[in-house]
Amino acid sequence: MLHFTGSPDSLQSIYLAHFEERTNLILLTGTDRLRTADFTARTNPNVPS
């Protein structure tokens, strides 16, 4: 269990930083998936475009 001695503002900024990090990770992963799918479609003649 973590105990925060800071103000609610610092707690909120910690939470927001974590949230932002997760969001960026999700966006990056999504972009990578799209890129991979696009690459596969262009290099594999069996995939209908």
Protein backbone atom coordinates (compact mmCIF):
# COMPACT_ATOMS: atom_id res chain seq x y z
CA MET A 1 0.00 0.00 0.00
CA LEU A 2 1.35 3.38 -0.97
CA HIS A 3 0.97 6.36 1.32
CA PHE A 4 1.10 9.78 -0.29
CA THR A 5 2.06 12.66 1.94
CA GLY A 6 1.63 15.26 -0.80
CA SER A 7 -1.41 17.35 -1.57
CA PRO A 8 -4.32 16.03 -3.66
CA ASP A 9 -2.86 18.05 -6.54
CA SER A 10 0.33 16.01 -6.57
CA LEU A 11 -1.70 12.82 -6.34
CA GLN A 12 -3.72 13.93 -9.33
CA SER A 13 -0.64 14.78 -11.36
CA ILE A 14 0.84 11.36 -10.57
CA TYR A 15 -2.40 9.73 -11.71
CA LEU A 16 -2.50 11.85 -14.87
CA ALA A 17 1.11 11.00 -15.67
CA HIS A 18 0.34 7.29 -15.40
CA PHE A 19 -2.81 7.71 -17.48
CA GLU A 20 -0.90 9.62 -20.16
CA GLU A 21 1.79 6.95 -20.23
CA ARG A 22 -0.80 4.19 -20.70
CA THR A 23 -2.57 6.16 -23.41
CA ASN A 24 0.67 6.73 -25.29
CA LEU A 25 1.47 3.04 -25.02
CA ILE A 26 -1.95 2.11 -26.41
CA LEU A 27 -1.59 4.60 -29.26
CA LEU A 28 1.88 3.30 -30.10
CA THR A 29 0.71 -0.29 -30.05
CA GLY A 30 -2.25 0.56 -32.25
CA THR A 31 -0.01 2.36 -34.73
CA ASP A 32 2.36 -0.61 -34.86
CA ARG A 33 -0.54 -2.97 -35.52
CA LEU A 34 -1.80 -0.80 -38.37
CA ARG A 35 1.68 -0.56 -39.85
CA THR A 36 2.14 -4.33 -39.66
CA ALA A 37 -1.25 -4.97 -41.24
CA ASP A 38 -0.50 -2.50 -44.02
CA PHE A 39 2.91 -4.06 -44.63
CA THR A 40 1.40 -7.56 -44.70
CA ALA A 41 -1.28 -6.48 -47.16
CA ARG A 42 1.31 -5.00 -49.51
CA THR A 43 3.76 -7.89 -49.37
CA ASN A 44 1.29 -10.80 -49.34
CA PRO A 45 -0.60 -11.22 -52.65
CA ASN A 46 -3.16 -13.51 -50.94
CA VAL A 47 -4.47 -10.69 -48.76
CA PRO A 48 -7.27 -8.80 -50.55
CA SER A 49 -6.63 -5.06 -50.45
